[in-house]
Amino acid sequence: MGIVLPLYRCRYYQGDNWHTLHWLKPRERIVHMNSSKRQTQPPVQNRRIIMLLILTGILMFVLDGSVVNIALPSITRYFNSDMAQSQWVITSYLLTTTSLLMIFGKVSEYTGRIRLFLAGFVIFTLSSLACGLSTSLAMLVLFRAVQAVGAAMAFSISSAVIFEIYPPGERGRAMGYIGSTVSIGSIAGPMLGGYLVDFFGWQYIFLINLPIGIVLLALAARHMRIEETRSDSIQMDWIGAVLLILFIASLMVFLDMLTSGMGFTTIAIALICLTSLLAFVVNESRHHKPLLDLSLFREKKFVLPIISITLLIISSFALFILGPFYFQGVMGYTPSMVGTVFLIVPAIMTFGSPLGGWIYDKYHYKYNSAIGMLIVAASLILASYATRRVDLPAILLSFVLMGLGSALVQSPMNTEIMNALPRNLLGTASSFSSAVRYLGMAMGVSVSSTLLSVQLRTEGYQGSVLNAGPDLLASTISNVLIVAAILCVLGMFTAALRNVGASDERSV
């Protein structure tokens, strides 16, 4: 019977050097295997300043995606155009940003994330000035698309930078700030736009970016410095990039056209969307350097949180999109009063998301996100009941629950998405999750608008939504919120399934 010596290290000679080989004790081996995807790095200097600069940039990008809504009537009147033409001021920004997020996530592997962020913010700031000085609607639409290019460059890698500069025990709270910032920008944008348009004119919703951008760039040039590993060349799948742009463009046009019914053009756009998606999948599965590595979708810890966050955005946008119609058409509120009411959710998330991230970092309970989704679903059910009964206190309580539930979801979900992949794919994870968020917003607008329009047409009403009458408007919006709650419950199950069979282990 042989004797087993407790050796855990030996030295061996290979080439011209001596090397050390380590054996790990069983417990150490488990820790090593769990952390094999990503090695820890020393703390990054000025990380709080870096995060503040990135969050400021994210806020500006999200604001510019929503602030134009309130200014659209003024822009339409100023250029003497119709609604179909002026709508492209919004569509061009959303379409361009969503189409390019994944592409710039790939480009960041060559340029480095910090360089791409700075370059994107320069383009965003200069094009904001051009938007404010535009003398025609066509010029404004063009510079909005250029502005979206800069936003996509910087926004695509923002999550990856924040995730990387913080150690594992603080990432949940850090990612929570992203959720707070996106929520504030999405919901506070219309109110801020209303004040700027009323007091200064529509041009200043763009011109205000200039001084902010100059200050941010000056600070970023001094403080945003982190060590990065960059590839020697851009290994871009150009065919995949074109197919991805075609798919996203056709999908967003299709979603926008659904509100007017399923005509021949709508069906043709749907076929283009499906064909381009199929071609994209075939191309990516055969390309040696794909734009999107399809093997990511075999990792349930990445896919299921993506599905959950998409369902959360679609569900919550039903309330955010239809709520203003309810308050104005049923309760007779003015736009500024509506904007004030809708500050409840972002105000709670401003403080709640970092707190939810801190709880996740400290206790790392694996069902945090599922509990948050359940609370959001309960808030939508309560909102559905309250809107039908015109019960303002219950409506406000549903807003509070929405903020609390979203705060519990956002930071754990963002952290889980980034934790699911190795470090060299952080850019891909960040850009893909950002693109999914934009698609979720577009789908939320489309689903809620379509469901509302179908119900009104079924009741024989064809006029303006605000003139539908309080009873009809209240009942139809209530029904849409029930559908949103069902989608949120589905998101709760996908969030729970992500951790089925997993132990409560801390992120690495």
Protein backbone atom coordinates (compact mmCIF):
# COMPACT_ATOMS: atom_id res chain seq x y z
CA MET A 1 0.00 0.00 0.00
CA GLY A 2 1.53 3.25 -1.05
CA ILE A 3 1.90 6.37 1.04
CA VAL A 4 0.12 9.58 -0.19
CA LEU A 5 2.27 12.57 0.61
CA PRO A 6 0.44 15.89 1.35
CA LEU A 7 2.23 17.76 -1.43
CA TYR A 8 0.55 20.94 -2.69
CA ARG A 9 3.42 22.50 -4.64
CA CYS A 10 6.45 21.40 -6.66
CA ARG A 11 8.91 22.99 -9.09
CA TYR A 12 9.66 21.76 -12.59
CA TYR A 13 11.97 22.84 -15.41
CA GLN A 14 10.64 23.78 -18.84
CA GLY A 15 12.52 25.68 -21.53
CA ASP A 16 15.04 27.96 -19.83
CA ASN A 17 13.08 28.65 -16.65
CA TRP A 18 11.91 26.98 -13.50
CA HIS A 19 8.14 26.98 -12.93
CA THR A 20 6.03 26.33 -9.87
CA LEU A 21 3.09 23.96 -10.03
CA HIS A 22 0.42 24.22 -7.33
CA TRP A 23 -1.96 21.59 -6.10
CA LEU A 24 -5.07 22.95 -4.40
CA LYS A 25 -6.81 21.56 -1.39
CA PRO A 26 -10.39 20.51 -2.18
CA ARG A 27 -11.94 23.67 -0.71
CA GLU A 28 -9.35 25.87 -2.44
CA ARG A 29 -9.97 24.07 -5.71
CA ILE A 30 -13.70 24.92 -5.54
CA VAL A 31 -12.94 28.58 -4.95
CA HIS A 32 -10.49 28.56 -7.85
CA MET A 33 -13.02 26.94 -10.18
CA ASN A 34 -15.72 29.44 -9.23
CA SER A 35 -13.40 32.34 -9.96
CA SER A 36 -11.87 30.97 -13.12
CA LYS A 37 -14.01 33.13 -15.33
CA ARG A 38 -12.60 36.34 -13.99
CA GLN A 39 -9.55 37.22 -11.97
CA THR A 40 -9.72 39.92 -9.36
CA GLN A 41 -7.79 43.11 -9.93
CA PRO A 42 -6.50 45.79 -7.56
CA PRO A 43 -8.86 48.71 -6.86
CA VAL A 44 -8.99 51.38 -9.56
CA GLN A 45 -8.04 54.88 -8.49
CA ASN A 46 -10.69 57.60 -8.87
CA ARG A 47 -13.32 54.93 -9.40
CA ARG A 48 -16.03 57.07 -7.80
CA ILE A 49 -15.21 59.95 -10.11
CA ILE A 50 -15.18 57.59 -13.09
CA MET A 51 -18.56 56.19 -12.09
CA LEU A 52 -20.02 59.69 -11.60
CA LEU A 53 -18.82 60.74 -15.05
CA ILE A 54 -20.25 57.63 -16.69
CA LEU A 55 -23.58 57.97 -14.87
CA THR A 56 -23.79 61.61 -15.98
CA GLY A 57 -23.23 60.47 -19.54
CA ILE A 58 -25.88 57.74 -19.23
CA LEU A 59 -28.34 60.27 -17.84
CA MET A 60 -27.77 62.60 -20.79
CA PHE A 61 -28.17 59.76 -23.31
CA VAL A 62 -31.41 58.52 -21.76
CA LEU A 63 -32.78 62.03 -21.33
CA ASP A 64 -32.21 62.81 -24.99
CA GLY A 65 -34.12 59.68 -25.87
CA SER A 66 -37.22 60.82 -23.95
CA VAL A 67 -37.02 64.59 -23.57
CA VAL A 68 -37.94 65.21 -27.22
CA ASN A 69 -41.43 63.73 -26.73
CA ILE A 70 -42.72 66.80 -24.92
CA ALA A 71 -41.07 69.15 -27.45
CA LEU A 72 -42.43 67.39 -30.54
CA PRO A 73 -45.54 69.61 -30.91
CA SER A 74 -43.33 72.72 -30.77
CA ILE A 75 -40.88 71.24 -33.31
CA THR A 76 -43.77 70.31 -35.61
CA ARG A 77 -45.16 73.85 -35.42
CA TYR A 78 -41.72 75.49 -35.84
CA PHE A 79 -40.89 73.61 -39.07
CA ASN A 80 -44.52 73.63 -40.29
CA SER A 81 -44.48 69.85 -40.76
CA ASP A 82 -46.95 67.05 -40.04
CA MET A 83 -46.75 64.47 -37.28
CA ALA A 84 -45.53 61.68 -39.56
CA GLN A 85 -42.49 63.74 -40.57
CA SER A 86 -41.58 65.20 -37.18
CA GLN A 87 -41.89 61.78 -35.51
CA TRP A 88 -38.57 60.87 -37.14
CA VAL A 89 -36.82 63.22 -34.70
CA ILE A 90 -37.54 60.54 -32.08
CA THR A 91 -37.42 57.47 -34.29
CA SER A 92 -34.03 58.27 -35.84
CA TYR A 93 -32.40 58.53 -32.39
CA LEU A 94 -33.93 55.34 -30.98
CA LEU A 95 -33.37 53.36 -34.17
CA THR A 96 -29.72 54.39 -34.60
CA THR A 97 -28.81 53.82 -30.97
CA THR A 98 -30.35 50.35 -30.78
CA SER A 99 -28.84 49.26 -34.09
CA LEU A 100 -25.27 50.23 -33.20
CA LEU A 101 -24.94 49.20 -29.56
CA MET A 102 -23.76 45.66 -30.29
CA ILE A 103 -21.40 46.84 -33.04
CA PHE A 104 -19.65 49.35 -30.82
CA GLY A 105 -19.40 46.76 -28.08
CA LYS A 106 -17.25 44.79 -30.52
CA VAL A 107 -15.27 47.86 -31.60
CA SER A 108 -14.38 48.56 -27.96
CA GLU A 109 -12.21 45.42 -27.94
CA TYR A 110 -9.86 47.26 -30.33
CA THR A 111 -10.18 50.90 -29.22
CA GLY A 112 -10.50 50.28 -25.49
CA ARG A 113 -13.64 51.17 -23.54
CA ILE A 114 -12.44 54.51 -22.16
CA ARG A 115 -11.33 55.80 -25.56
CA LEU A 116 -14.63 54.75 -27.12
CA PHE A 117 -16.60 56.45 -24.33
CA LEU A 118 -14.69 59.71 -24.75
CA ALA A 119 -14.97 59.65 -28.56
CA GLY A 120 -18.68 58.94 -28.32
CA PHE A 121 -19.25 61.77 -25.90
CA VAL A 122 -17.40 64.23 -28.15
CA ILE A 123 -19.68 63.25 -31.05
CA PHE A 124 -22.75 63.42 -28.82
CA THR A 125 -21.88 66.91 -27.51
CA LEU A 126 -21.04 68.44 -30.91
CA SER A 127 -24.10 66.95 -32.59
CA SER A 128 -26.28 68.30 -29.74
CA LEU A 129 -25.07 71.78 -30.69
CA ALA A 130 -25.87 71.03 -34.35
CA CYS A 131 -29.37 69.85 -33.40
CA GLY A 132 -30.06 73.07 -31.53
CA LEU A 133 -28.88 75.16 -34.50
CA SER A 134 -30.75 73.17 -37.17
CA THR A 135 -32.65 75.28 -39.70
CA SER A 136 -34.76 72.50 -41.23
CA LEU A 137 -36.47 69.34 -40.08
CA ALA A 138 -34.30 67.18 -42.35
CA MET A 139 -31.17 68.69 -40.77
CA LEU A 140 -32.53 68.05 -37.28
CA VAL A 141 -33.33 64.41 -38.09
CA LEU A 142 -29.84 63.94 -39.58
CA PHE A 143 -28.03 65.37 -36.56
CA ARG A 144 -30.28 63.39 -34.20
CA ALA A 145 -28.99 60.24 -35.94
CA VAL A 146 -25.38 61.48 -35.52
CA GLN A 147 -26.12 62.23 -31.88
CA ALA A 148 -27.38 58.68 -31.48
CA VAL A 149 -24.10 57.33 -32.92
CA GLY A 150 -22.19 59.08 -30.14
CA ALA A 151 -24.67 57.85 -27.53
CA ALA A 152 -24.32 54.26 -28.78
CA MET A 153 -20.51 54.45 -28.66
CA ALA A 154 -20.47 55.57 -25.04
CA PHE A 155 -23.55 53.79 -23.70
CA SER A 156 -22.58 50.40 -25.14
CA ILE A 157 -19.68 49.90 -22.72
CA SER A 158 -20.82 51.95 -19.70
CA SER A 159 -21.99 48.93 -17.69
CA ALA A 160 -18.77 47.04 -18.44
CA VAL A 161 -16.57 49.92 -17.21
CA ILE A 162 -18.50 50.34 -13.94
CA PHE A 163 -18.55 46.58 -13.38
CA GLU A 164 -14.80 46.31 -13.92
CA ILE A 165 -13.63 49.19 -11.74
CA TYR A 166 -15.43 47.87 -8.64
CA PRO A 167 -14.44 44.78 -6.62
CA PRO A 168 -16.88 41.85 -6.43
CA GLY A 169 -18.31 42.79 -3.04
CA GLU A 170 -19.38 46.25 -4.25
CA ARG A 171 -20.60 45.54 -7.77
CA GLY A 172 -24.26 45.05 -6.88
CA ARG A 173 -24.53 48.51 -5.37
CA ALA A 174 -22.52 50.08 -8.22
CA MET A 175 -24.76 48.46 -10.85
CA GLY A 176 -27.76 49.70 -8.88
CA TYR A 177 -26.77 53.27 -9.68
CA ILE A 178 -27.17 52.48 -13.39
CA GLY A 179 -30.77 51.40 -12.78
CA SER A 180 -31.43 54.60 -10.84
CA THR A 181 -29.92 56.75 -13.57
CA VAL A 182 -31.81 55.08 -16.43
CA SER A 183 -35.10 55.34 -14.51
CA ILE A 184 -34.58 59.01 -13.72
CA GLY A 185 -33.70 59.82 -17.32
CA SER A 186 -36.62 57.87 -18.81
CA ILE A 187 -39.32 59.31 -16.57
CA ALA A 188 -38.00 62.78 -15.71
CA GLY A 189 -37.18 63.58 -19.35
CA PRO A 190 -40.67 64.72 -20.38
CA MET A 191 -41.03 66.99 -17.35
CA LEU A 192 -37.59 68.56 -17.86
CA GLY A 193 -38.35 68.98 -21.56
CA GLY A 194 -41.60 70.72 -20.74
CA TYR A 195 -39.88 73.33 -18.58
CA LEU A 196 -37.12 73.95 -21.14
CA VAL A 197 -39.60 74.32 -24.00
CA ASP A 198 -41.91 76.61 -22.01
CA PHE A 199 -39.21 78.98 -20.79
CA PHE A 200 -36.48 78.84 -23.47
CA GLY A 201 -37.67 77.06 -26.62
CA TRP A 202 -37.25 73.56 -28.07
CA GLN A 203 -33.66 74.27 -29.18
CA TYR A 204 -32.47 74.29 -25.57
CA ILE A 205 -33.32 70.65 -24.96
CA PHE A 206 -30.25 70.07 -27.15
CA LEU A 207 -28.15 73.17 -26.39
CA ILE A 208 -28.13 72.41 -22.66
CA ASN A 209 -25.92 69.40 -23.47
CA LEU A 210 -23.08 71.65 -24.64
CA PRO A 211 -21.88 73.13 -21.29
CA ILE A 212 -22.51 69.84 -19.49
CA GLY A 213 -20.59 67.93 -22.18
CA ILE A 214 -17.61 70.30 -22.07
CA VAL A 215 -17.28 70.00 -18.29
CA LEU A 216 -17.67 66.21 -18.39
CA LEU A 217 -15.07 65.81 -21.14
CA ALA A 218 -12.58 68.00 -19.27
CA LEU A 219 -12.98 65.90 -16.13
CA ALA A 220 -12.95 62.63 -18.07
CA ALA A 221 -9.70 63.48 -19.85
CA ARG A 222 -8.06 63.87 -16.46
CA HIS A 223 -9.62 61.11 -14.36
CA MET A 224 -10.86 58.31 -16.64
CA ARG A 225 -7.74 56.18 -16.82
CA ILE A 226 -7.80 52.43 -16.30
CA GLU A 227 -5.62 49.62 -17.58
CA GLU A 228 -7.16 47.81 -20.54
CA THR A 229 -6.17 44.95 -22.81
CA ARG A 230 -6.93 45.76 -26.46
CA SER A 231 -6.89 43.58 -29.55
CA ASP A 232 -4.50 44.39 -32.40
CA SER A 233 -7.23 44.90 -35.01
CA ILE A 234 -10.98 45.25 -35.43
CA GLN A 235 -12.20 41.76 -36.24
CA MET A 236 -15.67 42.82 -37.28
CA ASP A 237 -18.31 40.58 -38.77
CA TRP A 238 -19.56 43.15 -41.27
CA ILE A 239 -22.25 40.93 -42.79
CA GLY A 240 -23.58 40.21 -39.32
CA ALA A 241 -23.49 43.93 -38.50
CA VAL A 242 -25.58 44.81 -41.58
CA LEU A 243 -28.07 42.01 -40.86
CA LEU A 244 -28.34 43.11 -37.22
CA ILE A 245 -29.06 46.71 -38.24
CA LEU A 246 -31.66 45.51 -40.76
CA PHE A 247 -33.32 43.28 -38.15
CA ILE A 248 -33.51 45.96 -35.45
CA ALA A 249 -34.64 48.66 -37.90
CA SER A 250 -37.41 46.48 -39.35
CA LEU A 251 -38.46 45.29 -35.89
CA MET A 252 -38.82 48.82 -34.54
CA VAL A 253 -40.68 50.00 -37.64
CA PHE A 254 -42.97 46.96 -37.35
CA LEU A 255 -43.66 47.69 -33.67
CA ASP A 256 -44.40 51.32 -34.52
CA MET A 257 -46.80 50.32 -37.31
CA LEU A 258 -48.75 47.84 -35.16
CA THR A 259 -50.74 50.66 -33.58
CA SER A 260 -52.42 51.35 -36.95
CA GLY A 261 -53.31 47.70 -37.66
CA MET A 262 -51.98 44.80 -39.75
CA GLY A 263 -51.93 46.08 -43.33
CA PHE A 264 -49.90 44.84 -46.29
CA THR A 265 -46.95 47.12 -45.47
CA THR A 266 -46.90 45.95 -41.86
CA ILE A 267 -46.84 42.29 -42.94
CA ALA A 268 -44.03 43.01 -45.45
CA ILE A 269 -41.95 44.68 -42.72
CA ALA A 270 -42.59 41.69 -40.44
CA LEU A 271 -41.30 39.32 -43.13
CA ILE A 272 -38.17 41.44 -43.59
CA CYS A 273 -37.66 41.36 -39.82
CA LEU A 274 -37.96 37.56 -39.60
CA THR A 275 -35.80 36.96 -42.67
CA SER A 276 -33.00 39.22 -41.46
CA LEU A 277 -33.10 37.59 -38.03
CA LEU A 278 -32.82 34.11 -39.54
CA ALA A 279 -29.98 35.22 -41.83
CA PHE A 280 -28.20 36.82 -38.85
CA VAL A 281 -28.41 33.62 -36.81
CA VAL A 282 -27.11 31.49 -39.72
CA ASN A 283 -24.26 33.93 -40.39
CA GLU A 284 -23.23 34.14 -36.72
CA SER A 285 -23.23 30.36 -36.34
CA ARG A 286 -20.79 30.01 -39.26
CA HIS A 287 -18.55 33.05 -38.78
CA HIS A 288 -15.20 32.43 -37.06
CA LYS A 289 -15.35 35.85 -35.34
CA PRO A 290 -19.08 36.53 -34.92
CA LEU A 291 -20.52 39.86 -33.86
CA LEU A 292 -22.62 38.01 -31.29
CA ASP A 293 -21.33 34.69 -30.00
CA LEU A 294 -24.44 32.51 -30.06
CA SER A 295 -22.92 30.23 -27.45
CA LEU A 296 -23.86 32.95 -24.93
CA PHE A 297 -27.44 31.81 -25.22
CA ARG A 298 -26.51 28.41 -23.82
CA GLU A 299 -25.63 30.11 -20.52
CA LYS A 300 -28.90 30.27 -18.60
CA LYS A 301 -27.41 32.62 -16.01
CA PHE A 302 -27.02 35.15 -18.83
CA VAL A 303 -30.16 34.50 -20.89
CA LEU A 304 -32.75 34.30 -18.12
CA PRO A 305 -31.85 37.66 -16.50
CA ILE A 306 -31.95 39.24 -20.00
CA ILE A 307 -35.49 37.88 -20.48
CA SER A 308 -36.51 39.06 -17.01
CA ILE A 309 -35.21 42.60 -17.45
CA THR A 310 -36.92 42.84 -20.86
CA LEU A 311 -40.27 41.76 -19.40
CA LEU A 312 -39.80 44.22 -16.53
CA ILE A 313 -39.21 47.13 -18.93
CA ILE A 314 -42.18 46.18 -21.14
CA SER A 315 -44.45 45.88 -18.09
CA SER A 316 -43.38 49.11 -16.41
CA PHE A 317 -43.58 51.09 -19.65
CA ALA A 318 -47.27 50.19 -19.91
CA LEU A 319 -47.81 52.31 -16.79
CA PHE A 320 -45.38 55.04 -17.81
CA ILE A 321 -46.84 55.42 -21.33
CA LEU A 322 -50.56 55.12 -20.52
CA GLY A 323 -50.42 56.84 -17.12
CA PRO A 324 -50.23 60.38 -18.54
CA PHE A 325 -53.30 59.69 -20.72
CA TYR A 326 -55.15 58.47 -17.64
CA PHE A 327 -54.28 61.44 -15.45
CA GLN A 328 -55.14 63.96 -18.17
CA GLY A 329 -58.14 62.23 -19.73
CA VAL A 330 -59.74 60.80 -16.58
CA MET A 331 -58.58 62.99 -13.72
CA GLY A 332 -58.10 66.27 -15.61
CA TYR A 333 -54.46 66.86 -14.60
CA THR A 334 -52.19 69.28 -16.45
CA PRO A 335 -48.94 67.96 -18.03
CA SER A 336 -46.80 69.53 -15.30
CA MET A 337 -48.96 67.90 -12.60
CA VAL A 338 -48.61 64.54 -14.36
CA GLY A 339 -44.83 64.97 -14.50
CA THR A 340 -44.74 65.64 -10.77
CA VAL A 341 -46.73 62.48 -9.98
CA PHE A 342 -44.45 60.38 -12.15
CA LEU A 343 -41.40 61.52 -10.19
CA ILE A 344 -42.42 59.12 -7.39
CA VAL A 345 -40.90 56.06 -9.05
CA PRO A 346 -37.50 57.55 -10.00
CA ALA A 347 -37.26 59.31 -6.63
CA ILE A 348 -37.64 55.96 -4.84
CA MET A 349 -35.26 54.21 -7.24
CA THR A 350 -32.61 56.91 -6.80
CA PHE A 351 -32.14 55.77 -3.23
CA GLY A 352 -33.61 52.29 -3.47
CA SER A 353 -31.49 50.82 -6.28
CA PRO A 354 -28.12 51.38 -4.54
CA LEU A 355 -29.70 50.08 -1.31
CA GLY A 356 -30.98 47.02 -3.16
CA GLY A 357 -27.48 46.53 -4.57
CA TRP A 358 -25.97 46.81 -1.09
CA ILE A 359 -28.39 44.17 0.21
CA TYR A 360 -27.46 41.93 -2.72
CA ASP A 361 -23.73 42.42 -2.07
CA LYS A 362 -24.06 41.73 1.65
CA TYR A 363 -26.49 38.80 1.72
CA HIS A 364 -26.50 37.63 -1.89
CA TYR A 365 -29.90 35.99 -1.59
CA LYS A 366 -30.42 34.30 -4.94
CA TYR A 367 -34.13 35.17 -5.24
CA ASN A 368 -33.77 38.94 -4.76
CA SER A 369 -34.73 39.67 -8.38
CA ALA A 370 -37.74 37.32 -8.32
CA ILE A 371 -39.09 39.00 -5.18
CA GLY A 372 -38.65 42.40 -6.81
CA MET A 373 -40.50 41.25 -9.93
CA LEU A 374 -43.34 39.94 -7.74
CA ILE A 375 -43.63 43.35 -6.04
CA VAL A 376 -43.76 45.10 -9.43
CA ALA A 377 -46.47 42.67 -10.60
CA ALA A 378 -48.46 43.44 -7.41
CA SER A 379 -48.07 47.17 -8.07
CA LEU A 380 -49.49 46.76 -11.58
CA ILE A 381 -52.46 44.74 -10.28
CA LEU A 382 -53.12 47.44 -7.68
CA ALA A 383 -52.78 50.14 -10.36
CA SER A 384 -55.27 48.28 -12.55
CA TYR A 385 -57.80 48.14 -9.72
CA ALA A 386 -57.19 51.76 -8.69
CA THR A 387 -57.46 53.20 -12.21
CA ARG A 388 -60.82 51.49 -12.73
CA ARG A 389 -62.07 52.86 -9.41
CA VAL A 390 -60.37 56.28 -9.88
CA ASP A 391 -58.76 55.85 -6.46
CA LEU A 392 -55.85 58.32 -6.29
CA PRO A 393 -54.33 57.13 -2.95
CA ALA A 394 -54.24 53.54 -4.26
CA ILE A 395 -52.67 54.72 -7.52
CA LEU A 396 -49.95 56.57 -5.62
CA LEU A 397 -49.36 53.47 -3.45
CA SER A 398 -48.93 51.40 -6.63
CA PHE A 399 -46.27 53.88 -7.77
CA VAL A 400 -44.43 53.44 -4.46
CA LEU A 401 -44.54 49.64 -4.82
CA MET A 402 -43.34 49.95 -8.42
CA GLY A 403 -40.32 51.95 -7.27
CA LEU A 404 -39.49 49.54 -4.44
CA GLY A 405 -39.85 46.44 -6.60
CA SER A 406 -37.80 47.90 -9.44
CA ALA A 407 -35.09 48.90 -6.97
CA LEU A 408 -34.83 45.29 -5.79
CA VAL A 409 -34.63 43.99 -9.37
CA GLN A 410 -32.29 46.35 -11.18
CA SER A 411 -28.93 46.02 -9.46
CA PRO A 412 -29.01 42.23 -8.80
CA MET A 413 -30.18 41.62 -12.37
CA ASN A 414 -27.48 43.84 -13.90
CA THR A 415 -24.82 42.22 -11.73
CA GLU A 416 -25.98 38.71 -12.61
CA ILE A 417 -25.88 39.49 -16.33
CA MET A 418 -22.30 40.76 -16.10
CA ASN A 419 -21.21 37.96 -13.73
CA ALA A 420 -22.43 35.26 -16.09
CA LEU A 421 -19.65 35.81 -18.65
CA PRO A 422 -15.83 35.86 -18.54
CA ARG A 423 -14.00 39.18 -18.45
CA ASN A 424 -13.14 39.23 -22.17
CA LEU A 425 -16.88 39.24 -22.96
CA LEU A 426 -17.86 42.10 -20.63
CA GLY A 427 -18.13 44.51 -23.57
CA THR A 428 -20.45 42.10 -25.37
CA ALA A 429 -22.59 41.61 -22.26
CA SER A 430 -22.81 45.36 -21.65
CA SER A 431 -23.70 46.31 -25.23
CA PHE A 432 -26.18 43.44 -25.66
CA SER A 433 -28.00 44.22 -22.41
CA SER A 434 -28.14 47.92 -23.39
CA ALA A 435 -29.61 47.02 -26.78
CA VAL A 436 -32.16 44.77 -25.11
CA ARG A 437 -33.20 47.63 -22.82
CA TYR A 438 -33.85 49.92 -25.78
CA LEU A 439 -35.80 47.17 -27.51
CA GLY A 440 -37.77 46.63 -24.30
CA MET A 441 -38.69 50.31 -24.23
CA ALA A 442 -39.82 50.20 -27.86
CA MET A 443 -41.81 47.01 -27.24
CA GLY A 444 -43.37 48.50 -24.11
CA VAL A 445 -44.56 51.53 -26.07
CA SER A 446 -45.86 49.35 -28.91
CA VAL A 447 -47.57 46.67 -26.79
CA SER A 448 -49.36 49.13 -24.51
CA SER A 449 -50.38 51.44 -27.39
CA THR A 450 -51.60 48.53 -29.52
CA LEU A 451 -53.64 46.98 -26.71
CA LEU A 452 -55.21 50.34 -25.93
CA SER A 453 -56.00 51.10 -29.62
CA VAL A 454 -57.53 47.64 -30.21
CA GLN A 455 -59.81 48.01 -27.21
CA LEU A 456 -60.95 51.47 -28.25
CA ARG A 457 -61.69 50.29 -31.80
CA THR A 458 -63.57 47.28 -30.42
CA GLU A 459 -65.77 49.68 -28.48
CA GLY A 460 -66.41 51.61 -31.71
CA TYR A 461 -64.26 54.63 -30.82
CA GLN A 462 -61.91 56.02 -33.49
CA GLY A 463 -61.00 59.51 -32.20
CA SER A 464 -58.28 60.97 -30.03
CA VAL A 465 -57.36 58.94 -26.95
CA LEU A 466 -57.83 61.88 -24.58
CA ASN A 467 -61.38 62.43 -25.88
CA ALA A 468 -62.46 58.80 -25.40
CA GLY A 469 -64.29 59.62 -22.18
CA PRO A 470 -63.28 58.94 -18.56
CA ASP A 471 -65.13 55.62 -18.15
CA LEU A 472 -63.92 54.05 -21.42
CA LEU A 473 -60.36 55.31 -20.92
CA ALA A 474 -60.19 54.08 -17.33
CA SER A 475 -61.46 50.57 -18.17
CA THR A 476 -59.20 50.07 -21.20
CA ILE A 477 -56.06 51.26 -19.40
CA SER A 478 -56.96 49.02 -16.46
CA ASN A 479 -57.11 46.01 -18.79
CA VAL A 480 -53.69 46.83 -20.29
CA LEU A 481 -52.17 46.99 -16.81
CA ILE A 482 -53.47 43.48 -16.08
CA VAL A 483 -51.65 42.20 -19.19
CA ALA A 484 -48.51 44.03 -18.00
CA ALA A 485 -48.82 42.35 -14.61
CA ILE A 486 -49.02 38.92 -16.28
CA LEU A 487 -45.83 39.66 -18.24
CA CYS A 488 -44.14 40.70 -15.00
CA VAL A 489 -45.16 37.41 -13.34
CA LEU A 490 -43.52 35.58 -16.25
CA GLY A 491 -40.42 37.67 -15.59
CA MET A 492 -40.56 36.61 -11.95
CA PHE A 493 -40.41 32.94 -12.97
CA THR A 494 -37.46 33.46 -15.34
CA ALA A 495 -35.64 35.37 -12.59
CA ALA A 496 -36.23 32.49 -10.17
CA LEU A 497 -35.25 29.81 -12.69
CA ARG A 498 -31.91 31.55 -13.20
CA ASN A 499 -30.86 30.38 -9.72
CA VAL A 500 -32.63 27.05 -9.47
CA GLY A 501 -30.04 24.54 -8.27
CA ALA A 502 -27.46 27.26 -7.55
CA SER A 503 -26.05 27.84 -4.09
CA ASP A 504 -26.03 31.24 -2.39
CA GLU A 505 -22.50 32.07 -3.40
CA ARG A 506 -21.03 35.53 -3.62
CA SER A 507 -20.20 37.00 -7.01
CA VAL A 508 -16.59 36.70 -8.01
